[in-house]
Amino acid sequence: MIDAKQTEELIAAARDVQSRAYAPYSNFPVGAALLTDKGRIVTGCNVENASYGLTICAERNALTRCVAEDAGKPVALVVVGNTDDALTPCGACRQFILEFNPDMEVICIGLKKGERKDFTALGLLPGAFRSSDLDKAKS
């Protein structure tokens, strides 16, 4: 579990990158910041597309950057949005997050009221399809 100082750093980084989101269609900017086992903070924001299915969410943006930058194993992720309730990742992002660390701490924040909810990646997606399921299909 990350400490309060690390959490505040992630929240600040997520809020900062949220301001750069490209959301002309939904007007729903989202920011994400993750902490790795190497102590790195990697951020991502949502990037929309006129062909909605090509839109990339902030969480997946941060995780793909983490891989590309060889930043380390993600251990915590903060997601922020301009919502009343804590903003939780969509289903596709939940599956994507789980791929990298089922025990990852996921902190979801709704900035309008400051509501916060904490999960693990596996807690967000119980009964998830995992790489071990692929091994079962081979036998």
N, C-alpha and C. Protein backbone atom coordinates (compact mmCIF):
# COMPACT_ATOMS: atom_id res chain seq x y z
N MET A 1 0.84 -1.18 0.00
CA MET A 1 0.00 0.00 0.00
C MET A 1 0.89 1.24 0.00
N ILE A 2 0.50 2.22 -0.81
CA ILE A 2 1.33 3.42 -0.89
C ILE A 2 0.98 4.37 0.25
N ASP A 3 1.91 5.25 0.58
CA ASP A 3 1.69 6.16 1.70
C ASP A 3 0.96 7.43 1.24
N ALA A 4 0.61 8.27 2.20
CA ALA A 4 -0.17 9.47 1.93
C ALA A 4 0.57 10.44 1.00
N LYS A 5 1.87 10.57 1.17
CA LYS A 5 2.65 11.48 0.32
C LYS A 5 2.64 11.00 -1.13
N GLN A 6 2.84 9.70 -1.33
CA GLN A 6 2.81 9.15 -2.68
C GLN A 6 1.42 9.32 -3.31
N THR A 7 0.40 9.10 -2.51
CA THR A 7 -0.97 9.26 -2.99
C THR A 7 -1.20 10.69 -3.46
N GLU A 8 -0.79 11.66 -2.66
CA GLU A 8 -0.97 13.07 -3.04
C GLU A 8 -0.19 13.42 -4.30
N GLU A 9 1.00 12.86 -4.46
CA GLU A 9 1.79 13.10 -5.68
C GLU A 9 1.07 12.53 -6.90
N LEU A 10 0.49 11.35 -6.75
CA LEU A 10 -0.24 10.74 -7.86
C LEU A 10 -1.49 11.54 -8.20
N ILE A 11 -2.20 11.99 -7.19
CA ILE A 11 -3.40 12.80 -7.44
C ILE A 11 -3.03 14.09 -8.18
N ALA A 12 -1.98 14.74 -7.74
CA ALA A 12 -1.54 15.98 -8.40
C ALA A 12 -1.13 15.71 -9.85
N ALA A 13 -0.42 14.62 -10.09
CA ALA A 13 0.00 14.28 -11.44
C ALA A 13 -1.20 13.95 -12.33
N ALA A 14 -2.18 13.24 -11.77
CA ALA A 14 -3.38 12.89 -12.53
C ALA A 14 -4.20 14.14 -12.87
N ARG A 15 -4.30 15.04 -11.93
CA ARG A 15 -5.03 16.29 -12.19
C ARG A 15 -4.32 17.13 -13.25
N ASP A 16 -3.00 17.15 -13.19
CA ASP A 16 -2.24 17.92 -14.16
C ASP A 16 -2.44 17.37 -15.57
N VAL A 17 -2.30 16.07 -15.74
CA VAL A 17 -2.43 15.48 -17.08
C VAL A 17 -3.88 15.53 -17.56
N GLN A 18 -4.83 15.53 -16.64
CA GLN A 18 -6.24 15.64 -17.02
C GLN A 18 -6.48 16.93 -17.81
N SER A 19 -5.75 17.97 -17.48
CA SER A 19 -5.92 19.26 -18.16
C SER A 19 -5.48 19.19 -19.62
N ARG A 20 -4.76 18.14 -19.99
CA ARG A 20 -4.31 17.99 -21.38
C ARG A 20 -5.12 16.93 -22.14
N ALA A 21 -6.16 16.41 -21.54
CA ALA A 21 -6.99 15.41 -22.21
C ALA A 21 -7.56 15.99 -23.50
N TYR A 22 -7.70 15.12 -24.48
CA TYR A 22 -8.32 15.51 -25.75
C TYR A 22 -9.71 14.89 -25.76
N ALA A 23 -10.71 15.69 -25.35
CA ALA A 23 -12.08 15.18 -25.18
C ALA A 23 -13.10 16.10 -25.83
N PRO A 24 -12.96 16.39 -27.14
CA PRO A 24 -13.88 17.32 -27.78
C PRO A 24 -15.29 16.77 -27.97
N TYR A 25 -15.47 15.47 -27.91
CA TYR A 25 -16.78 14.87 -28.15
C TYR A 25 -17.57 14.67 -26.87
N SER A 26 -16.93 14.19 -25.84
CA SER A 26 -17.64 13.94 -24.58
C SER A 26 -17.52 15.09 -23.60
N ASN A 27 -16.51 15.94 -23.79
CA ASN A 27 -16.20 16.98 -22.79
C ASN A 27 -16.06 16.37 -21.40
N PHE A 28 -15.42 15.20 -21.35
CA PHE A 28 -15.25 14.44 -20.11
C PHE A 28 -13.77 14.08 -19.96
N PRO A 29 -12.96 15.06 -19.54
CA PRO A 29 -11.52 14.79 -19.40
C PRO A 29 -11.23 13.91 -18.19
N VAL A 30 -10.34 12.96 -18.39
CA VAL A 30 -9.93 12.04 -17.33
C VAL A 30 -8.41 12.04 -17.27
N GLY A 31 -7.89 11.97 -16.06
CA GLY A 31 -6.45 11.87 -15.85
C GLY A 31 -6.13 10.64 -15.04
N ALA A 32 -4.97 10.06 -15.33
CA ALA A 32 -4.51 8.89 -14.58
C ALA A 32 -3.02 9.03 -14.33
N ALA A 33 -2.60 8.57 -13.17
CA ALA A 33 -1.18 8.55 -12.83
C ALA A 33 -0.89 7.26 -12.10
N LEU A 34 0.19 6.61 -12.50
CA LEU A 34 0.55 5.38 -11.82
C LEU A 34 1.95 5.45 -11.25
N LEU A 35 2.14 4.71 -10.20
CA LEU A 35 3.43 4.59 -9.53
C LEU A 35 3.97 3.20 -9.82
N THR A 36 5.27 3.11 -10.14
CA THR A 36 5.86 1.81 -10.43
C THR A 36 6.78 1.36 -9.29
N ASP A 37 7.17 0.11 -9.37
CA ASP A 37 8.09 -0.43 -8.37
C ASP A 37 9.48 0.19 -8.47
N LYS A 38 9.75 0.95 -9.51
CA LYS A 38 11.01 1.69 -9.65
C LYS A 38 10.88 3.12 -9.11
N GLY A 39 9.71 3.45 -8.55
CA GLY A 39 9.48 4.78 -7.99
C GLY A 39 9.11 5.82 -9.03
N ARG A 40 8.85 5.41 -10.25
CA ARG A 40 8.49 6.34 -11.32
C ARG A 40 7.00 6.64 -11.29
N ILE A 41 6.64 7.84 -11.68
CA ILE A 41 5.24 8.22 -11.89
C ILE A 41 5.05 8.39 -13.38
N VAL A 42 4.06 7.69 -13.93
CA VAL A 42 3.74 7.74 -15.35
C VAL A 42 2.28 8.17 -15.47
N THR A 43 2.01 9.11 -16.36
CA THR A 43 0.67 9.66 -16.48
C THR A 43 0.04 9.35 -17.84
N GLY A 44 -1.27 9.51 -17.88
CA GLY A 44 -2.01 9.37 -19.13
C GLY A 44 -3.33 10.10 -19.03
N CYS A 45 -3.84 10.54 -20.17
CA CYS A 45 -5.15 11.19 -20.22
C CYS A 45 -5.94 10.54 -21.35
N ASN A 46 -7.25 10.74 -21.34
CA ASN A 46 -8.05 10.17 -22.41
C ASN A 46 -7.82 10.98 -23.69
N VAL A 47 -7.83 10.26 -24.80
CA VAL A 47 -7.64 10.85 -26.12
C VAL A 47 -8.76 10.30 -27.00
N GLU A 48 -9.73 11.17 -27.31
CA GLU A 48 -10.90 10.74 -28.06
C GLU A 48 -10.64 10.78 -29.56
N ASN A 49 -11.57 10.14 -30.29
CA ASN A 49 -11.50 10.09 -31.73
C ASN A 49 -12.93 10.16 -32.26
N ALA A 50 -13.11 10.75 -33.43
CA ALA A 50 -14.44 10.84 -34.02
C ALA A 50 -15.05 9.46 -34.22
N SER A 51 -14.22 8.46 -34.45
CA SER A 51 -14.66 7.07 -34.48
C SER A 51 -14.52 6.57 -33.04
N TYR A 52 -15.59 6.67 -32.28
CA TYR A 52 -15.54 6.49 -30.83
C TYR A 52 -14.77 5.26 -30.36
N GLY A 53 -14.87 4.17 -31.08
CA GLY A 53 -14.19 2.94 -30.67
C GLY A 53 -12.68 3.06 -30.65
N LEU A 54 -12.14 4.07 -31.30
CA LEU A 54 -10.69 4.27 -31.32
C LEU A 54 -10.20 5.14 -30.17
N THR A 55 -11.11 5.63 -29.37
CA THR A 55 -10.74 6.43 -28.21
C THR A 55 -9.90 5.60 -27.25
N ILE A 56 -8.90 6.23 -26.64
CA ILE A 56 -8.11 5.54 -25.62
C ILE A 56 -8.34 6.22 -24.27
N CYS A 57 -8.60 5.42 -23.28
CA CYS A 57 -8.85 5.93 -21.93
C CYS A 57 -7.54 6.32 -21.25
N ALA A 58 -7.66 7.15 -20.24
CA ALA A 58 -6.49 7.64 -19.50
C ALA A 58 -5.70 6.50 -18.87
N GLU A 59 -6.41 5.52 -18.32
CA GLU A 59 -5.74 4.41 -17.63
C GLU A 59 -4.88 3.60 -18.61
N ARG A 60 -5.45 3.27 -19.77
CA ARG A 60 -4.70 2.50 -20.76
C ARG A 60 -3.56 3.33 -21.35
N ASN A 61 -3.78 4.63 -21.48
CA ASN A 61 -2.73 5.53 -21.96
C ASN A 61 -1.54 5.48 -21.00
N ALA A 62 -1.80 5.59 -19.71
CA ALA A 62 -0.71 5.55 -18.71
C ALA A 62 0.00 4.21 -18.71
N LEU A 63 -0.75 3.13 -18.79
CA LEU A 63 -0.13 1.80 -18.77
C LEU A 63 0.70 1.53 -20.01
N THR A 64 0.24 1.95 -21.18
CA THR A 64 1.03 1.73 -22.39
C THR A 64 2.30 2.58 -22.36
N ARG A 65 2.20 3.79 -21.82
CA ARG A 65 3.41 4.62 -21.66
C ARG A 65 4.38 3.95 -20.68
N CYS A 66 3.87 3.36 -19.64
CA CYS A 66 4.70 2.68 -18.65
C CYS A 66 5.52 1.58 -19.32
N VAL A 67 4.87 0.80 -20.18
CA VAL A 67 5.56 -0.26 -20.90
C VAL A 67 6.59 0.33 -21.86
N ALA A 68 6.18 1.31 -22.65
CA ALA A 68 7.07 1.91 -23.64
C ALA A 68 8.30 2.55 -23.01
N GLU A 69 8.13 3.10 -21.82
CA GLU A 69 9.22 3.78 -21.14
C GLU A 69 10.01 2.85 -20.21
N ASP A 70 9.66 1.57 -20.19
CA ASP A 70 10.31 0.61 -19.30
C ASP A 70 10.39 1.16 -17.87
N ALA A 71 9.25 1.69 -17.41
CA ALA A 71 9.19 2.38 -16.12
C ALA A 71 9.09 1.44 -14.93
N GLY A 72 8.83 0.16 -15.17
CA GLY A 72 8.71 -0.78 -14.08
C GLY A 72 7.31 -1.34 -13.96
N LYS A 73 7.12 -2.17 -12.94
CA LYS A 73 5.82 -2.79 -12.69
C LYS A 73 4.91 -1.80 -11.97
N PRO A 74 3.71 -1.56 -12.51
CA PRO A 74 2.78 -0.65 -11.84
C PRO A 74 2.31 -1.22 -10.50
N VAL A 75 2.36 -0.40 -9.46
CA VAL A 75 1.91 -0.85 -8.14
C VAL A 75 0.70 -0.06 -7.64
N ALA A 76 0.49 1.15 -8.17
CA ALA A 76 -0.66 1.96 -7.76
C ALA A 76 -1.08 2.84 -8.92
N LEU A 77 -2.38 3.09 -9.00
CA LEU A 77 -2.95 3.92 -10.06
C LEU A 77 -4.01 4.83 -9.46
N VAL A 78 -3.95 6.10 -9.83
CA VAL A 78 -4.98 7.07 -9.45
C VAL A 78 -5.71 7.50 -10.71
N VAL A 79 -7.04 7.52 -10.64
CA VAL A 79 -7.88 7.97 -11.74
C VAL A 79 -8.74 9.12 -11.23
N VAL A 80 -8.73 10.26 -11.95
CA VAL A 80 -9.53 11.40 -11.55
C VAL A 80 -10.44 11.87 -12.69
N GLY A 81 -11.61 12.34 -12.31
CA GLY A 81 -12.55 12.90 -13.27
C GLY A 81 -13.40 13.95 -12.60
N ASN A 82 -14.02 14.79 -13.40
CA ASN A 82 -14.86 15.87 -12.88
C ASN A 82 -16.27 15.35 -12.57
N THR A 83 -16.35 14.42 -11.65
CA THR A 83 -17.60 13.78 -11.28
C THR A 83 -17.89 14.00 -9.80
N ASP A 84 -19.14 13.80 -9.42
CA ASP A 84 -19.50 13.86 -8.00
C ASP A 84 -18.96 12.62 -7.29
N ASP A 85 -19.28 11.45 -7.86
CA ASP A 85 -18.85 10.18 -7.27
C ASP A 85 -17.45 9.83 -7.75
N ALA A 86 -16.80 8.95 -7.03
CA ALA A 86 -15.48 8.47 -7.44
C ALA A 86 -15.59 7.85 -8.83
N LEU A 87 -14.69 8.24 -9.72
CA LEU A 87 -14.70 7.77 -11.10
C LEU A 87 -13.93 6.46 -11.21
N THR A 88 -14.63 5.38 -11.51
CA THR A 88 -13.99 4.07 -11.64
C THR A 88 -13.71 3.78 -13.11
N PRO A 89 -12.70 2.96 -13.38
CA PRO A 89 -12.36 2.62 -14.76
C PRO A 89 -13.48 1.85 -15.47
N CYS A 90 -13.54 1.99 -16.79
CA CYS A 90 -14.49 1.23 -17.60
C CYS A 90 -14.08 -0.24 -17.60
N GLY A 91 -14.91 -1.09 -18.15
CA GLY A 91 -14.64 -2.52 -18.17
C GLY A 91 -13.37 -2.88 -18.93
N ALA A 92 -13.16 -2.25 -20.08
CA ALA A 92 -11.95 -2.54 -20.86
C ALA A 92 -10.71 -2.16 -20.06
N CYS A 93 -10.75 -1.04 -19.39
CA CYS A 93 -9.59 -0.61 -18.58
C CYS A 93 -9.38 -1.53 -17.40
N ARG A 94 -10.43 -2.02 -16.81
CA ARG A 94 -10.30 -2.94 -15.68
C ARG A 94 -9.54 -4.20 -16.11
N GLN A 95 -9.90 -4.73 -17.28
CA GLN A 95 -9.20 -5.90 -17.80
C GLN A 95 -7.74 -5.56 -18.11
N PHE A 96 -7.51 -4.41 -18.68
CA PHE A 96 -6.17 -3.97 -19.06
C PHE A 96 -5.29 -3.78 -17.82
N ILE A 97 -5.84 -3.14 -16.79
CA ILE A 97 -5.11 -2.91 -15.54
C ILE A 97 -4.71 -4.24 -14.92
N LEU A 98 -5.65 -5.17 -14.88
CA LEU A 98 -5.42 -6.47 -14.26
C LEU A 98 -4.25 -7.21 -14.90
N GLU A 99 -4.06 -7.03 -16.19
CA GLU A 99 -2.98 -7.70 -16.93
C GLU A 99 -1.61 -7.40 -16.32
N PHE A 100 -1.45 -6.20 -15.80
CA PHE A 100 -0.14 -5.76 -15.34
C PHE A 100 0.14 -6.02 -13.87
N ASN A 101 -0.92 -6.09 -13.06
CA ASN A 101 -0.72 -6.38 -11.64
C ASN A 101 -2.09 -6.53 -10.97
N PRO A 102 -2.54 -7.76 -10.72
CA PRO A 102 -3.85 -7.95 -10.09
C PRO A 102 -3.94 -7.35 -8.69
N ASP A 103 -2.79 -7.14 -8.06
CA ASP A 103 -2.77 -6.56 -6.72
C ASP A 103 -2.58 -5.04 -6.74
N MET A 104 -2.54 -4.45 -7.94
CA MET A 104 -2.33 -3.01 -8.04
C MET A 104 -3.40 -2.26 -7.25
N GLU A 105 -2.96 -1.28 -6.49
CA GLU A 105 -3.88 -0.41 -5.77
C GLU A 105 -4.47 0.58 -6.78
N VAL A 106 -5.79 0.70 -6.81
CA VAL A 106 -6.47 1.61 -7.74
C VAL A 106 -7.29 2.58 -6.90
N ILE A 107 -6.93 3.85 -6.99
CA ILE A 107 -7.59 4.90 -6.22
C ILE A 107 -8.41 5.75 -7.19
N CYS A 108 -9.70 5.79 -6.97
CA CYS A 108 -10.63 6.47 -7.86
C CYS A 108 -11.18 7.71 -7.17
N ILE A 109 -11.14 8.84 -7.88
CA ILE A 109 -11.53 10.11 -7.26
C ILE A 109 -12.49 10.88 -8.16
N GLY A 110 -13.56 11.37 -7.56
CA GLY A 110 -14.48 12.31 -8.21
C GLY A 110 -14.12 13.71 -7.71
N LEU A 111 -13.64 14.54 -8.58
CA LEU A 111 -13.09 15.83 -8.15
C LEU A 111 -14.13 16.84 -7.67
N LYS A 112 -15.38 16.73 -8.11
CA LYS A 112 -16.38 17.72 -7.70
C LYS A 112 -16.62 17.71 -6.20
N LYS A 113 -16.73 16.52 -5.62
CA LYS A 113 -16.99 16.41 -4.18
C LYS A 113 -15.81 15.80 -3.43
N GLY A 114 -14.78 15.41 -4.17
CA GLY A 114 -13.62 14.80 -3.53
C GLY A 114 -13.85 13.37 -3.07
N GLU A 115 -14.91 12.72 -3.58
CA GLU A 115 -15.16 11.35 -3.16
C GLU A 115 -14.05 10.43 -3.66
N ARG A 116 -13.64 9.52 -2.81
CA ARG A 116 -12.55 8.59 -3.11
C ARG A 116 -12.97 7.17 -2.76
N LYS A 117 -12.63 6.25 -3.65
CA LYS A 117 -12.83 4.83 -3.39
C LYS A 117 -11.55 4.10 -3.77
N ASP A 118 -11.15 3.18 -2.92
CA ASP A 118 -9.93 2.41 -3.14
C ASP A 118 -10.28 0.95 -3.44
N PHE A 119 -9.55 0.39 -4.40
CA PHE A 119 -9.75 -0.99 -4.82
C PHE A 119 -8.38 -1.61 -5.09
N THR A 120 -8.39 -2.91 -5.34
CA THR A 120 -7.27 -3.55 -6.02
C THR A 120 -7.76 -3.80 -7.44
N ALA A 121 -6.83 -4.07 -8.34
CA ALA A 121 -7.23 -4.35 -9.72
C ALA A 121 -8.18 -5.55 -9.76
N LEU A 122 -7.86 -6.59 -9.02
CA LEU A 122 -8.71 -7.78 -9.00
C LEU A 122 -10.06 -7.48 -8.33
N GLY A 123 -10.05 -6.60 -7.35
CA GLY A 123 -11.30 -6.20 -6.70
C GLY A 123 -12.24 -5.47 -7.64
N LEU A 124 -11.69 -4.78 -8.65
CA LEU A 124 -12.51 -4.10 -9.65
C LEU A 124 -13.10 -5.06 -10.67
N LEU A 125 -12.49 -6.25 -10.80
CA LEU A 125 -12.93 -7.17 -11.84
C LEU A 125 -12.91 -8.62 -11.32
N PRO A 126 -13.79 -8.92 -10.37
CA PRO A 126 -13.81 -10.29 -9.84
C PRO A 126 -14.20 -11.28 -10.95
N GLY A 127 -13.59 -12.43 -10.91
CA GLY A 127 -13.88 -13.44 -11.93
C GLY A 127 -13.27 -13.12 -13.28
N ALA A 128 -12.24 -12.29 -13.28
CA ALA A 128 -11.63 -11.81 -14.52
C ALA A 128 -11.01 -12.92 -15.34
N PHE A 129 -10.94 -12.70 -16.63
CA PHE A 129 -10.20 -13.57 -17.54
C PHE A 129 -8.73 -13.23 -17.36
N ARG A 130 -7.91 -14.25 -17.09
CA ARG A 130 -6.49 -14.01 -16.81
C ARG A 130 -5.62 -14.87 -17.71
N SER A 131 -4.34 -14.56 -17.75
CA SER A 131 -3.43 -15.31 -18.60
C SER A 131 -3.42 -16.80 -18.25
N SER A 132 -3.65 -17.12 -16.99
CA SER A 132 -3.69 -18.53 -16.59
C SER A 132 -4.85 -19.26 -17.27
N ASP A 133 -5.90 -18.56 -17.65
CA ASP A 133 -7.02 -19.18 -18.38
C ASP A 133 -6.58 -19.65 -19.76
N LEU A 134 -5.61 -18.96 -20.35
CA LEU A 134 -5.09 -19.37 -21.65
C LEU A 134 -4.35 -20.70 -21.52
N ASP A 135 -3.61 -20.86 -20.43
CA ASP A 135 -2.88 -22.10 -20.19
C ASP A 135 -3.84 -23.29 -20.05
N LYS A 136 -4.97 -23.06 -19.43
CA LYS A 136 -5.97 -24.13 -19.25
C LYS A 136 -6.50 -24.61 -20.60
N ALA A 137 -6.59 -23.71 -21.56
CA ALA A 137 -7.13 -24.07 -22.87
C ALA A 137 -6.13 -24.92 -23.66
N LYS A 138 -4.86 -24.88 -23.30
CA LYS A 138 -3.82 -25.62 -24.01
C LYS A 138 -3.78 -27.09 -23.60
N SER A 139 -4.34 -27.39 -22.43
CA SER A 139 -4.26 -28.79 -21.96
C SER A 139 -5.39 -29.64 -22.45
